[in-house]
Amino acid sequence: MRATLTGTKNDHTEGVVARTIEEQTAKLPSDTFLWASLGAIVTSLVLQTMGKKEESLFVGQWAPTFLILGLYNKIVKVLGSDSHDRAYR
C-alpha cells in the first residue's frame, strides 16, 4: 500500500495518452509557457491600442492558460504524474 500526498491509496495509473503527452511536454523548457504568456499579453496590448477590443480580450485570456500549463508541466517534471508506476520500474 502506497500513500500519496493526500494520504489516500493510489489505485490507478495514467493512461497511454496522458503519459505520452507528459513525456513530450516534459521536453519543453519550463520558460516556454512563460514566454507564451508574455507574448499573449503583449499581443493583447497591441490589439487594444489598435482598437480591436474583442480580439484583444480573446488573446488576453490565453495568458493564464499558458501559465497554468507551465505550472502543470513543472509539476510533472518534478513529481511525475505516475510516481507509483515509476517506483516499481
N, C-alpha and C. Protein backbone atom coordinates (compact mmCIF):
# COMPACT_ATOMS: atom_id res chain seq x y z
N MET A 1 0.85 -1.18 0.00
CA MET A 1 0.00 0.00 0.00
C MET A 1 0.90 1.24 0.00
N ARG A 2 0.64 2.16 -0.91
CA ARG A 2 1.45 3.37 -1.03
C ARG A 2 0.57 4.58 -0.80
N ALA A 3 1.00 5.47 0.06
CA ALA A 3 0.25 6.69 0.35
C ALA A 3 0.71 7.81 -0.56
N THR A 4 -0.22 8.66 -0.96
CA THR A 4 0.11 9.83 -1.77
C THR A 4 0.21 11.04 -0.86
N LEU A 5 0.38 12.21 -1.45
CA LEU A 5 0.47 13.44 -0.67
C LEU A 5 -0.79 13.69 0.15
N THR A 6 -1.93 13.21 -0.31
CA THR A 6 -3.18 13.43 0.42
C THR A 6 -3.42 12.35 1.46
N GLY A 7 -2.57 11.34 1.47
CA GLY A 7 -2.70 10.29 2.47
C GLY A 7 -3.65 9.18 2.06
N THR A 8 -4.12 9.17 0.83
CA THR A 8 -5.02 8.11 0.37
C THR A 8 -4.27 7.15 -0.52
N LYS A 9 -4.84 5.97 -0.68
CA LYS A 9 -4.20 4.94 -1.50
C LYS A 9 -4.38 5.29 -2.98
N ASN A 10 -3.33 5.13 -3.76
CA ASN A 10 -3.35 5.43 -5.19
C ASN A 10 -3.51 4.12 -5.96
N ASP A 11 -4.75 3.82 -6.39
CA ASP A 11 -5.03 2.55 -7.06
C ASP A 11 -5.10 2.66 -8.58
N HIS A 12 -4.84 3.81 -9.14
CA HIS A 12 -4.96 3.95 -10.58
C HIS A 12 -3.65 4.45 -11.18
N THR A 13 -3.53 4.26 -12.47
CA THR A 13 -2.36 4.73 -13.19
C THR A 13 -2.82 5.59 -14.35
N GLU A 14 -1.90 6.35 -14.91
CA GLU A 14 -2.21 7.20 -16.05
C GLU A 14 -2.37 6.35 -17.30
N GLY A 15 -3.21 6.82 -18.20
CA GLY A 15 -3.41 6.13 -19.46
C GLY A 15 -2.28 6.40 -20.42
N VAL A 16 -2.29 5.72 -21.54
CA VAL A 16 -1.25 5.84 -22.54
C VAL A 16 -1.21 7.26 -23.11
N VAL A 17 -2.36 7.84 -23.39
CA VAL A 17 -2.41 9.17 -23.99
C VAL A 17 -1.81 10.21 -23.04
N ALA A 18 -2.24 10.18 -21.76
CA ALA A 18 -1.72 11.14 -20.78
C ALA A 18 -0.21 10.98 -20.61
N ARG A 19 0.25 9.76 -20.53
CA ARG A 19 1.68 9.51 -20.36
C ARG A 19 2.47 10.01 -21.56
N THR A 20 1.94 9.79 -22.77
CA THR A 20 2.62 10.24 -23.99
C THR A 20 2.69 11.76 -24.05
N ILE A 21 1.59 12.42 -23.73
CA ILE A 21 1.57 13.89 -23.73
C ILE A 21 2.58 14.43 -22.72
N GLU A 22 2.61 13.85 -21.54
CA GLU A 22 3.53 14.32 -20.49
C GLU A 22 4.99 14.07 -20.88
N GLU A 23 5.27 12.97 -21.54
CA GLU A 23 6.64 12.71 -21.99
C GLU A 23 7.09 13.75 -23.00
N GLN A 24 6.18 14.14 -23.89
CA GLN A 24 6.53 15.11 -24.92
C GLN A 24 6.65 16.53 -24.35
N THR A 25 5.71 16.93 -23.50
CA THR A 25 5.76 18.29 -22.94
C THR A 25 6.90 18.44 -21.95
N ALA A 26 7.34 17.35 -21.34
CA ALA A 26 8.47 17.43 -20.42
C ALA A 26 9.76 17.81 -21.14
N LYS A 27 9.78 17.63 -22.46
CA LYS A 27 10.95 18.00 -23.24
C LYS A 27 11.05 19.52 -23.44
N LEU A 28 9.95 20.23 -23.24
CA LEU A 28 9.94 21.69 -23.40
C LEU A 28 10.57 22.36 -22.19
N PRO A 29 11.36 23.40 -22.40
CA PRO A 29 11.86 24.16 -21.26
C PRO A 29 10.69 24.81 -20.52
N SER A 30 10.79 24.93 -19.22
CA SER A 30 9.68 25.47 -18.43
C SER A 30 9.35 26.91 -18.79
N ASP A 31 10.35 27.67 -19.23
CA ASP A 31 10.06 29.07 -19.53
C ASP A 31 9.33 29.26 -20.86
N THR A 32 9.14 28.19 -21.64
CA THR A 32 8.37 28.29 -22.89
C THR A 32 6.97 28.81 -22.61
N PHE A 33 6.35 28.30 -21.55
CA PHE A 33 4.99 28.71 -21.22
C PHE A 33 4.96 30.14 -20.70
N LEU A 34 6.00 30.55 -19.99
CA LEU A 34 6.09 31.93 -19.51
C LEU A 34 6.20 32.88 -20.69
N TRP A 35 7.05 32.56 -21.66
CA TRP A 35 7.19 33.42 -22.84
C TRP A 35 5.91 33.45 -23.65
N ALA A 36 5.23 32.33 -23.77
CA ALA A 36 3.95 32.30 -24.49
C ALA A 36 2.93 33.20 -23.79
N SER A 37 2.92 33.18 -22.48
CA SER A 37 2.01 34.03 -21.71
C SER A 37 2.34 35.51 -21.91
N LEU A 38 3.61 35.84 -21.83
CA LEU A 38 4.02 37.23 -22.06
C LEU A 38 3.71 37.67 -23.48
N GLY A 39 3.89 36.78 -24.44
CA GLY A 39 3.54 37.08 -25.83
C GLY A 39 2.06 37.37 -26.00
N ALA A 40 1.22 36.59 -25.31
CA ALA A 40 -0.23 36.82 -25.36
C ALA A 40 -0.59 38.18 -24.76
N ILE A 41 0.08 38.54 -23.67
CA ILE A 41 -0.18 39.84 -23.03
C ILE A 41 0.21 40.98 -23.96
N VAL A 42 1.39 40.89 -24.55
CA VAL A 42 1.86 41.95 -25.46
C VAL A 42 0.95 42.04 -26.68
N THR A 43 0.61 40.89 -27.26
CA THR A 43 -0.28 40.88 -28.42
C THR A 43 -1.63 41.49 -28.07
N SER A 44 -2.13 41.17 -26.90
CA SER A 44 -3.40 41.74 -26.44
C SER A 44 -3.29 43.26 -26.31
N LEU A 45 -2.19 43.73 -25.77
CA LEU A 45 -1.97 45.17 -25.62
C LEU A 45 -1.92 45.87 -26.98
N VAL A 46 -1.22 45.25 -27.93
CA VAL A 46 -1.13 45.82 -29.28
C VAL A 46 -2.52 45.87 -29.92
N LEU A 47 -3.27 44.78 -29.81
CA LEU A 47 -4.61 44.76 -30.38
C LEU A 47 -5.51 45.82 -29.73
N GLN A 48 -5.35 46.00 -28.43
CA GLN A 48 -6.14 47.00 -27.71
C GLN A 48 -5.83 48.40 -28.22
N THR A 49 -4.55 48.70 -28.44
CA THR A 49 -4.17 50.03 -28.92
C THR A 49 -4.59 50.24 -30.37
N MET A 50 -4.79 49.16 -31.11
CA MET A 50 -5.26 49.27 -32.49
C MET A 50 -6.78 49.39 -32.57
N GLY A 51 -7.44 49.33 -31.41
CA GLY A 51 -8.89 49.47 -31.38
C GLY A 51 -9.65 48.17 -31.61
N LYS A 52 -8.96 47.06 -31.57
CA LYS A 52 -9.60 45.75 -31.76
C LYS A 52 -9.87 45.13 -30.40
N LYS A 53 -10.89 45.65 -29.72
CA LYS A 53 -11.14 45.27 -28.33
C LYS A 53 -11.49 43.79 -28.17
N GLU A 54 -12.39 43.28 -29.02
CA GLU A 54 -12.80 41.88 -28.85
C GLU A 54 -11.65 40.91 -29.09
N GLU A 55 -10.85 41.17 -30.11
CA GLU A 55 -9.68 40.33 -30.38
C GLU A 55 -8.68 40.42 -29.24
N SER A 56 -8.53 41.62 -28.70
CA SER A 56 -7.61 41.84 -27.58
C SER A 56 -8.02 41.03 -26.36
N LEU A 57 -9.31 41.05 -26.05
CA LEU A 57 -9.80 40.27 -24.90
C LEU A 57 -9.63 38.77 -25.13
N PHE A 58 -9.87 38.34 -26.37
CA PHE A 58 -9.73 36.93 -26.69
C PHE A 58 -8.29 36.45 -26.49
N VAL A 59 -7.35 37.18 -27.04
CA VAL A 59 -5.93 36.81 -26.93
C VAL A 59 -5.45 36.99 -25.50
N GLY A 60 -5.92 38.01 -24.81
CA GLY A 60 -5.50 38.27 -23.43
C GLY A 60 -5.89 37.15 -22.47
N GLN A 61 -6.93 36.42 -22.82
CA GLN A 61 -7.36 35.32 -21.95
C GLN A 61 -6.48 34.08 -22.10
N TRP A 62 -5.59 34.08 -23.07
CA TRP A 62 -4.67 32.96 -23.23
C TRP A 62 -3.58 32.95 -22.15
N ALA A 63 -3.22 34.13 -21.64
CA ALA A 63 -2.10 34.24 -20.70
C ALA A 63 -2.25 33.33 -19.47
N PRO A 64 -3.39 33.38 -18.75
CA PRO A 64 -3.49 32.48 -17.59
C PRO A 64 -3.49 31.01 -17.97
N THR A 65 -4.01 30.69 -19.16
CA THR A 65 -3.99 29.30 -19.61
C THR A 65 -2.57 28.81 -19.80
N PHE A 66 -1.74 29.64 -20.45
CA PHE A 66 -0.33 29.27 -20.64
C PHE A 66 0.38 29.11 -19.30
N LEU A 67 0.09 30.01 -18.34
CA LEU A 67 0.74 29.92 -17.03
C LEU A 67 0.33 28.64 -16.29
N ILE A 68 -0.93 28.27 -16.39
CA ILE A 68 -1.39 27.03 -15.74
C ILE A 68 -0.76 25.81 -16.42
N LEU A 69 -0.66 25.84 -17.75
CA LEU A 69 0.00 24.73 -18.45
C LEU A 69 1.47 24.64 -18.04
N GLY A 70 2.12 25.78 -17.86
CA GLY A 70 3.50 25.79 -17.40
C GLY A 70 3.64 25.22 -16.00
N LEU A 71 2.69 25.55 -15.14
CA LEU A 71 2.70 25.01 -13.78
C LEU A 71 2.52 23.50 -13.81
N TYR A 72 1.59 23.03 -14.61
CA TYR A 72 1.38 21.59 -14.75
C TYR A 72 2.64 20.91 -15.27
N ASN A 73 3.26 21.51 -16.27
CA ASN A 73 4.48 20.97 -16.85
C ASN A 73 5.58 20.86 -15.78
N LYS A 74 5.71 21.88 -14.97
CA LYS A 74 6.73 21.88 -13.92
C LYS A 74 6.45 20.80 -12.88
N ILE A 75 5.20 20.66 -12.49
CA ILE A 75 4.83 19.64 -11.50
C ILE A 75 5.13 18.25 -12.05
N VAL A 76 4.79 18.02 -13.32
CA VAL A 76 5.06 16.71 -13.92
C VAL A 76 6.55 16.44 -13.97
N LYS A 77 7.34 17.47 -14.27
CA LYS A 77 8.80 17.28 -14.32
C LYS A 77 9.37 16.97 -12.94
N VAL A 78 8.86 17.62 -11.92
CA VAL A 78 9.41 17.46 -10.57
C VAL A 78 8.89 16.20 -9.89
N LEU A 79 7.58 16.02 -9.91
CA LEU A 79 6.98 14.91 -9.18
C LEU A 79 6.62 13.71 -10.05
N GLY A 80 6.41 13.95 -11.32
CA GLY A 80 5.93 12.89 -12.20
C GLY A 80 4.45 12.70 -12.00
N SER A 81 3.78 12.27 -13.05
CA SER A 81 2.33 12.10 -12.94
C SER A 81 1.98 10.75 -12.34
N ASP A 82 2.88 9.83 -12.46
CA ASP A 82 2.58 8.48 -12.03
C ASP A 82 3.75 7.91 -11.23
N SER A 83 4.05 8.56 -10.15
CA SER A 83 5.21 8.16 -9.35
C SER A 83 5.08 6.73 -8.83
N HIS A 84 3.87 6.26 -8.67
CA HIS A 84 3.66 4.89 -8.21
C HIS A 84 4.23 3.90 -9.22
N ASP A 85 3.91 4.08 -10.51
CA ASP A 85 4.46 3.21 -11.56
C ASP A 85 5.97 3.33 -11.64
N ARG A 86 6.47 4.55 -11.54
CA ARG A 86 7.89 4.80 -11.65
C ARG A 86 8.68 4.10 -10.53
N ALA A 87 8.08 3.99 -9.37
CA ALA A 87 8.77 3.38 -8.23
C ALA A 87 8.97 1.87 -8.45
N TYR A 88 8.12 1.26 -9.28
CA TYR A 88 8.20 -0.17 -9.48
C TYR A 88 8.82 -0.58 -10.81
N ARG A 89 9.39 0.40 -11.53
CA ARG A 89 10.04 0.07 -12.82
C ARG A 89 11.47 -0.27 -12.63
